[in-house]
């Protein structure tokens, strides 16, 4: 097998195992065994497990950042916003081991911890930009206190929907319905503050996706 193919095999296998068992519970020997390669071959490509985690995180960030770095008029229509959130949450679900182990990864791997903080900062700016964009078009009307409350609730959902689903909806994590419910939760958080047209469309979207679970 070519060097590039072996590296890719290691990364794919590691991601599957990290998502299934949790990164702290997966050893390089288990990865090598599952990938049907020798431990020496694995260490030729990645000297330590931390290097595998770093490579996977880099892929995760490369996929996520373009989705959250958007223009000020990002609000668009409810359906387009729903689709963008769907893709964002899909990417997070693909790399869900990161969100199940945020504190440990950040403390044990400082480089990733620093990158995570930068990523969270981007998400904070994107969420605030979204809310301000909705306000600028009169789609959303909130006081400063309400904006802060909704902003924090959305940020919590963005960051902790995977641990929440692991505890309260494990079946939903397996079949993808937890992702739909998390997106619905975000829409319904802002629904009371939306104008009538947006609110009706948001509620209809939420119901339609819930019915298709």
C-alpha atoms as a PDB file:
ATOM      1  CA  UNK A   1       0.000   0.000   0.000  1.00  0.00           C
ATOM      2  CA  UNK A   2       1.330   3.428  -0.897  1.00  0.00           C
ATOM      3  CA  UNK A   3       2.454   5.705   1.904  1.00  0.00           C
ATOM      4  CA  UNK A   4      -0.372   8.186   1.312  1.00  0.00           C
ATOM      5  CA  UNK A   5      -2.968   5.378   1.338  1.00  0.00           C
ATOM      6  CA  UNK A   6      -1.610   3.984   4.615  1.00  0.00           C
ATOM      7  CA  UNK A   7      -1.748   7.412   6.238  1.00  0.00           C
ATOM      8  CA  UNK A   8      -5.324   7.849   5.046  1.00  0.00           C
ATOM      9  CA  UNK A   9      -6.243   4.397   6.337  1.00  0.00           C
ATOM     10  CA  UNK A  10      -4.821   5.261   9.753  1.00  0.00           C
ATOM     11  CA  UNK A  11      -6.774   8.503   9.907  1.00  0.00           C
ATOM     12  CA  UNK A  12     -10.062   6.908   8.816  1.00  0.00           C
ATOM     13  CA  UNK A  13      -9.642   4.038  11.253  1.00  0.00           C
ATOM     14  CA  UNK A  14      -8.676   6.353  14.101  1.00  0.00           C
ATOM     15  CA  UNK A  15     -11.683   8.606  13.501  1.00  0.00           C
ATOM     16  CA  UNK A  16     -14.049   5.626  13.569  1.00  0.00           C
ATOM     17  CA  UNK A  17     -12.500   4.281  16.767  1.00  0.00           C
ATOM     18  CA  UNK A  18     -12.329   7.682  18.495  1.00  0.00           C
ATOM     19  CA  UNK A  19     -16.002   8.299  17.703  1.00  0.00           C
ATOM     20  CA  UNK A  20     -17.007   4.822  18.841  1.00  0.00           C
ATOM     21  CA  UNK A  21     -14.943   4.418  22.017  1.00  0.00           C
ATOM     22  CA  UNK A  22     -13.701   7.926  22.875  1.00  0.00           C
ATOM     23  CA  UNK A  23     -10.172   9.114  22.087  1.00  0.00           C
ATOM     24  CA  UNK A  24      -8.723   8.397  25.580  1.00  0.00           C
ATOM     25  CA  UNK A  25      -9.820   4.746  25.309  1.00  0.00           C
ATOM     26  CA  UNK A  26      -8.119   4.096  21.966  1.00  0.00           C
ATOM     27  CA  UNK A  27      -4.458   3.094  21.768  1.00  0.00           C
ATOM     28  CA  UNK A  28      -2.178   3.149  18.745  1.00  0.00           C
ATOM     29  CA  UNK A  29      -1.971  -0.646  18.979  1.00  0.00           C
ATOM     30  CA  UNK A  30      -5.763  -0.874  18.685  1.00  0.00           C
ATOM     31  CA  UNK A  31      -5.695   1.463  15.676  1.00  0.00           C
ATOM     32  CA  UNK A  32      -2.972  -0.622  14.008  1.00  0.00           C
ATOM     33  CA  UNK A  33      -4.848  -3.844  14.727  1.00  0.00           C
ATOM     34  CA  UNK A  34      -8.135  -2.466  13.363  1.00  0.00           C
ATOM     35  CA  UNK A  35      -6.372  -1.090  10.260  1.00  0.00           C
ATOM     36  CA  UNK A  36      -4.571  -4.438   9.792  1.00  0.00           C
ATOM     37  CA  UNK A  37      -1.127  -2.877   9.770  1.00  0.00           C
ATOM     38  CA  UNK A  38       1.836  -3.288  12.085  1.00  0.00           C
ATOM     39  CA  UNK A  39       2.388  -0.872  15.002  1.00  0.00           C
ATOM     40  CA  UNK A  40       5.704   0.008  13.395  1.00  0.00           C
ATOM     41  CA  UNK A  41       3.977   0.978  10.178  1.00  0.00           C
ATOM     42  CA  UNK A  42       1.570   3.215  12.099  1.00  0.00           C
ATOM     43  CA  UNK A  43       4.403   4.908  13.989  1.00  0.00           C
ATOM     44  CA  UNK A  44       6.235   5.481  10.709  1.00  0.00           C
ATOM     45  CA  UNK A  45       3.413   7.837   9.738  1.00  0.00           C
ATOM     46  CA  UNK A  46       2.442   9.127  13.203  1.00  0.00           C
ATOM     47  CA  UNK A  47       4.985   8.971  16.011  1.00  0.00           C
ATOM     48  CA  UNK A  48       2.342   9.456  18.714  1.00  0.00           C
ATOM     49  CA  UNK A  49      -1.429   9.276  19.001  1.00  0.00           C
ATOM     50  CA  UNK A  50      -1.456  13.023  19.617  1.00  0.00           C
ATOM     51  CA  UNK A  51      -0.231  13.533  16.056  1.00  0.00           C
ATOM     52  CA  UNK A  52      -3.208  11.549  14.747  1.00  0.00           C
ATOM     53  CA  UNK A  53      -5.581  13.706  16.813  1.00  0.00           C
ATOM     54  CA  UNK A  54      -3.907  16.855  15.489  1.00  0.00           C
ATOM     55  CA  UNK A  55      -4.258  15.678  11.878  1.00  0.00           C
ATOM     56  CA  UNK A  56      -7.943  14.872  12.381  1.00  0.00           C
ATOM     57  CA  UNK A  57      -8.568  18.206  14.099  1.00  0.00           C
ATOM     58  CA  UNK A  58      -6.938  20.028  11.179  1.00  0.00           C
ATOM     59  CA  UNK A  59      -9.337  18.300   8.787  1.00  0.00           C
ATOM     60  CA  UNK A  60     -12.254  19.152  11.039  1.00  0.00           C
ATOM     61  CA  UNK A  61     -11.296  22.831  11.195  1.00  0.00           C
ATOM     62  CA  UNK A  62     -10.729  23.009   7.431  1.00  0.00           C
ATOM     63  CA  UNK A  63     -14.245  21.684   6.858  1.00  0.00           C
ATOM     64  CA  UNK A  64     -15.945  23.825   9.523  1.00  0.00           C
ATOM     65  CA  UNK A  65     -14.346  27.256   9.197  1.00  0.00           C
ATOM     66  CA  UNK A  66     -15.711  28.071   5.703  1.00  0.00           C
ATOM     67  CA  UNK A  67     -19.202  27.237   6.953  1.00  0.00           C
ATOM     68  CA  UNK A  68     -19.101  29.616   9.904  1.00  0.00           C
ATOM     69  CA  UNK A  69     -17.055  32.422   8.307  1.00  0.00           C
ATOM     70  CA  UNK A  70     -19.798  34.069   6.314  1.00  0.00           C
ATOM     71  CA  UNK A  71     -20.786  37.568   5.265  1.00  0.00           C
ATOM     72  CA  UNK A  72     -22.839  39.954   7.364  1.00  0.00           C
ATOM     73  CA  UNK A  73     -25.957  39.244   5.311  1.00  0.00           C
ATOM     74  CA  UNK A  74     -25.744  35.556   6.196  1.00  0.00           C
ATOM     75  CA  UNK A  75     -29.345  35.331   7.397  1.00  0.00           C
ATOM     76  CA  UNK A  76     -30.896  34.818   3.972  1.00  0.00           C
ATOM     77  CA  UNK A  77     -34.071  32.753   4.104  1.00  0.00           C
ATOM     78  CA  UNK A  78     -35.024  30.292   6.858  1.00  0.00           C
ATOM     79  CA  UNK A  79     -34.543  27.266   4.592  1.00  0.00           C
ATOM     80  CA  UNK A  80     -31.058  28.327   3.461  1.00  0.00           C
ATOM     81  CA  UNK A  81     -30.089  29.007   7.068  1.00  0.00           C
ATOM     82  CA  UNK A  82     -31.420  25.597   8.082  1.00  0.00           C
ATOM     83  CA  UNK A  83     -29.339  23.954   5.352  1.00  0.00           C
ATOM     84  CA  UNK A  84     -26.179  25.771   6.488  1.00  0.00           C
ATOM     85  CA  UNK A  85     -26.765  24.684  10.075  1.00  0.00           C
ATOM     86  CA  UNK A  86     -27.422  21.138   8.875  1.00  0.00           C
ATOM     87  CA  UNK A  87     -24.020  21.008   7.180  1.00  0.00           C
ATOM     88  CA  UNK A  88     -22.282  22.579  10.192  1.00  0.00           C
ATOM     89  CA  UNK A  89     -23.802  20.065  12.577  1.00  0.00           C
ATOM     90  CA  UNK A  90     -23.078  17.226  10.164  1.00  0.00           C
ATOM     91  CA  UNK A  91     -19.379  18.107  10.185  1.00  0.00           C
ATOM     92  CA  UNK A  92     -19.394  18.262  13.979  1.00  0.00           C
ATOM     93  CA  UNK A  93     -21.105  14.873  14.094  1.00  0.00           C
ATOM     94  CA  UNK A  94     -18.428  13.385  11.843  1.00  0.00           C
ATOM     95  CA  UNK A  95     -15.747  14.505  14.334  1.00  0.00           C
ATOM     96  CA  UNK A  96     -17.873  14.108  17.449  1.00  0.00           C
ATOM     97  CA  UNK A  97     -15.039  12.663  19.556  1.00  0.00           C
ATOM     98  CA  UNK A  98     -13.650  16.209  19.860  1.00  0.00           C
ATOM     99  CA  UNK A  99     -16.809  17.524  21.524  1.00  0.00           C
ATOM    100  CA  UNK A 100     -17.136  14.545  23.863  1.00  0.00           C
ATOM    101  CA  UNK A 101     -13.733  15.258  25.345  1.00  0.00           C
ATOM    102  CA  UNK A 102     -13.217  19.026  25.100  1.00  0.00           C
ATOM    103  CA  UNK A 103     -11.607  19.628  28.491  1.00  0.00           C
ATOM    104  CA  UNK A 104      -9.166  16.720  28.333  1.00  0.00           C
ATOM    105  CA  UNK A 105      -8.128  17.377  24.747  1.00  0.00           C
ATOM    106  CA  UNK A 106      -7.588  21.073  25.492  1.00  0.00           C
ATOM    107  CA  UNK A 107      -5.492  20.414  28.602  1.00  0.00           C
ATOM    108  CA  UNK A 108      -3.509  17.449  27.289  1.00  0.00           C
ATOM    109  CA  UNK A 109      -2.893  18.857  23.812  1.00  0.00           C
ATOM    110  CA  UNK A 110      -2.259  22.611  24.216  1.00  0.00           C
ATOM    111  CA  UNK A 111      -1.941  23.253  20.477  1.00  0.00           C
ATOM    112  CA  UNK A 112      -5.393  21.831  19.868  1.00  0.00           C
ATOM    113  CA  UNK A 113      -6.717  23.658  22.923  1.00  0.00           C
ATOM    114  CA  UNK A 114      -5.500  26.955  21.466  1.00  0.00           C
ATOM    115  CA  UNK A 115      -7.035  26.117  18.079  1.00  0.00           C
ATOM    116  CA  UNK A 116     -10.331  25.201  19.737  1.00  0.00           C
ATOM    117  CA  UNK A 117     -10.482  28.573  21.487  1.00  0.00           C
ATOM    118  CA  UNK A 118      -9.936  30.305  18.160  1.00  0.00           C
ATOM    119  CA  UNK A 119     -12.655  28.179  16.588  1.00  0.00           C
ATOM    120  CA  UNK A 120     -15.107  28.960  19.396  1.00  0.00           C
ATOM    121  CA  UNK A 121     -14.331  32.656  18.966  1.00  0.00           C
ATOM    122  CA  UNK A 122     -15.212  32.393  15.261  1.00  0.00           C
ATOM    123  CA  UNK A 123     -18.483  30.699  16.157  1.00  0.00           C
ATOM    124  CA  UNK A 124     -19.335  33.408  18.682  1.00  0.00           C
ATOM    125  CA  UNK A 125     -18.778  36.086  16.034  1.00  0.00           C
ATOM    126  CA  UNK A 126     -20.818  34.133  13.460  1.00  0.00           C
ATOM    127  CA  UNK A 127     -23.782  33.699  15.805  1.00  0.00           C
ATOM    128  CA  UNK A 128     -23.738  37.363  16.813  1.00  0.00           C
ATOM    129  CA  UNK A 129     -23.409  38.373  13.163  1.00  0.00           C
ATOM    130  CA  UNK A 130     -26.416  36.223  12.312  1.00  0.00           C
ATOM    131  CA  UNK A 131     -28.534  37.834  15.014  1.00  0.00           C
ATOM    132  CA  UNK A 132     -27.496  41.346  14.030  1.00  0.00           C
ATOM    133  CA  UNK A 133     -28.187  40.535  10.387  1.00  0.00           C
ATOM    134  CA  UNK A 134     -31.688  39.363  11.266  1.00  0.00           C
ATOM    135  CA  UNK A 135     -32.223  42.511  13.322  1.00  0.00           C
ATOM    136  CA  UNK A 136     -31.045  44.755  10.505  1.00  0.00           C
ATOM    137  CA  UNK A 137     -33.745  43.355   8.208  1.00  0.00           C
ATOM    138  CA  UNK A 138     -36.408  43.557  10.925  1.00  0.00           C
ATOM    139  CA  UNK A 139     -36.720  39.770  10.908  1.00  0.00           C
ATOM    140  CA  UNK A 140     -35.670  39.713  14.582  1.00  0.00           C
ATOM    141  CA  UNK A 141     -36.572  42.110  17.394  1.00  0.00           C
ATOM    142  CA  UNK A 142     -34.815  41.702  20.725  1.00  0.00           C
ATOM    143  CA  UNK A 143     -33.652  43.818  23.627  1.00  0.00           C
ATOM    144  CA  UNK A 144     -29.971  43.767  24.575  1.00  0.00           C
ATOM    145  CA  UNK A 145     -30.712  41.403  27.467  1.00  0.00           C
ATOM    146  CA  UNK A 146     -32.721  39.079  25.230  1.00  0.00           C
ATOM    147  CA  UNK A 147     -30.010  39.107  22.568  1.00  0.00           C
ATOM    148  CA  UNK A 148     -27.405  38.059  25.134  1.00  0.00           C
ATOM    149  CA  UNK A 149     -29.632  35.298  26.524  1.00  0.00           C
ATOM    150  CA  UNK A 150     -30.489  33.851  23.100  1.00  0.00           C
ATOM    151  CA  UNK A 151     -26.887  34.207  21.942  1.00  0.00           C
ATOM    152  CA  UNK A 152     -25.612  32.202  24.921  1.00  0.00           C
ATOM    153  CA  UNK A 153     -28.265  29.510  24.491  1.00  0.00           C
ATOM    154  CA  UNK A 154     -27.413  29.099  20.806  1.00  0.00           C
ATOM    155  CA  UNK A 155     -23.707  28.967  21.636  1.00  0.00           C
ATOM    156  CA  UNK A 156     -24.364  26.267  24.226  1.00  0.00           C
ATOM    157  CA  UNK A 157     -26.283  24.212  21.674  1.00  0.00           C
ATOM    158  CA  UNK A 158     -23.487  24.633  19.109  1.00  0.00           C
ATOM    159  CA  UNK A 159     -20.906  23.453  21.613  1.00  0.00           C
ATOM    160  CA  UNK A 160     -22.651  20.831  23.745  1.00  0.00           C
ATOM    161  CA  UNK A 161     -25.364  19.207  21.631  1.00  0.00           C
ATOM    162  CA  UNK A 162     -23.239  16.075  21.201  1.00  0.00           C
ATOM    163  CA  UNK A 163     -22.589  15.429  24.946  1.00  0.00           C
ATOM    164  CA  UNK A 164     -26.256  16.243  25.599  1.00  0.00           C
ATOM    165  CA  UNK A 165     -27.406  13.720  22.993  1.00  0.00           C
ATOM    166  CA  UNK A 166     -24.962  11.112  24.316  1.00  0.00           C
ATOM    167  CA  UNK A 167     -26.626  11.329  27.713  1.00  0.00           C
ATOM    168  CA  UNK A 168     -30.271  11.845  26.790  1.00  0.00           C
ATOM    169  CA  UNK A 169     -30.658  10.691  23.191  1.00  0.00           C
ATOM    170  CA  UNK A 170     -27.998   8.080  22.252  1.00  0.00           C
ATOM    171  CA  UNK A 171     -30.265   6.547  19.619  1.00  0.00           C
ATOM    172  CA  UNK A 172     -30.539  10.002  18.043  1.00  0.00           C
ATOM    173  CA  UNK A 173     -26.760  10.213  17.758  1.00  0.00           C
ATOM    174  CA  UNK A 174     -26.762   6.939  15.842  1.00  0.00           C
ATOM    175  CA  UNK A 175     -29.579   7.710  13.421  1.00  0.00           C
ATOM    176  CA  UNK A 176     -28.966  11.458  12.958  1.00  0.00           C
ATOM    177  CA  UNK A 177     -32.181  12.619  14.595  1.00  0.00           C
ATOM    178  CA  UNK A 178     -30.258  14.276  17.449  1.00  0.00           C
ATOM    179  CA  UNK A 179     -28.717  16.601  14.892  1.00  0.00           C
ATOM    180  CA  UNK A 180     -32.140  17.600  13.562  1.00  0.00           C
ATOM    181  CA  UNK A 181     -33.430  18.210  17.081  1.00  0.00           C
ATOM    182  CA  UNK A 182     -30.402  20.370  17.900  1.00  0.00           C
ATOM    183  CA  UNK A 183     -31.023  22.528  14.826  1.00  0.00           C
ATOM    184  CA  UNK A 184     -34.719  22.761  15.697  1.00  0.00           C
ATOM    185  CA  UNK A 185     -33.718  23.855  19.185  1.00  0.00           C
ATOM    186  CA  UNK A 186     -31.722  26.767  17.738  1.00  0.00           C
ATOM    187  CA  UNK A 187     -34.598  27.884  15.520  1.00  0.00           C
ATOM    188  CA  UNK A 188     -37.125  27.627  18.303  1.00  0.00           C
ATOM    189  CA  UNK A 189     -34.864  29.653  20.597  1.00  0.00           C
ATOM    190  CA  UNK A 190     -35.130  32.630  18.272  1.00  0.00           C
ATOM    191  CA  UNK A 191     -38.703  31.977  17.054  1.00  0.00           C
ATOM    192  CA  UNK A 192     -40.437  34.101  19.757  1.00  0.00           C
ATOM    193  CA  UNK A 193     -38.439  37.145  18.627  1.00  0.00           C
ATOM    194  CA  UNK A 194     -38.928  36.730  14.864  1.00  0.00           C
ATOM    195  CA  UNK A 195     -41.410  38.636  12.741  1.00  0.00           C
ATOM    196  CA  UNK A 196     -44.538  36.769  11.709  1.00  0.00           C
ATOM    197  CA  UNK A 197     -43.315  35.577   8.321  1.00  0.00           C
ATOM    198  CA  UNK A 198     -40.000  34.247   9.594  1.00  0.00           C
ATOM    199  CA  UNK A 199     -41.624  32.690  12.661  1.00  0.00           C
ATOM    200  CA  UNK A 200     -44.178  30.793  10.569  1.00  0.00           C
ATOM    201  CA  UNK A 201     -41.514  29.507   8.175  1.00  0.00           C
ATOM    202  CA  UNK A 202     -39.205  28.495  11.030  1.00  0.00           C
ATOM    203  CA  UNK A 203     -41.956  26.621  12.838  1.00  0.00           C
ATOM    204  CA  UNK A 204     -43.018  24.882   9.632  1.00  0.00           C
ATOM    205  CA  UNK A 205     -39.435  23.839   8.902  1.00  0.00           C
ATOM    206  CA  UNK A 206     -38.979  22.524  12.421  1.00  0.00           C
ATOM    207  CA  UNK A 207     -42.194  20.500  12.271  1.00  0.00           C
ATOM    208  CA  UNK A 208     -41.407  19.159   8.784  1.00  0.00           C
ATOM    209  CA  UNK A 209     -37.952  17.917   9.763  1.00  0.00           C
ATOM    210  CA  UNK A 210     -39.198  16.457  13.053  1.00  0.00           C
ATOM    211  CA  UNK A 211     -41.920  14.543  11.224  1.00  0.00           C
ATOM    212  CA  UNK A 212     -39.329  13.006   8.905  1.00  0.00           C
ATOM    213  CA  UNK A 213     -37.213  11.622  11.761  1.00  0.00           C
END
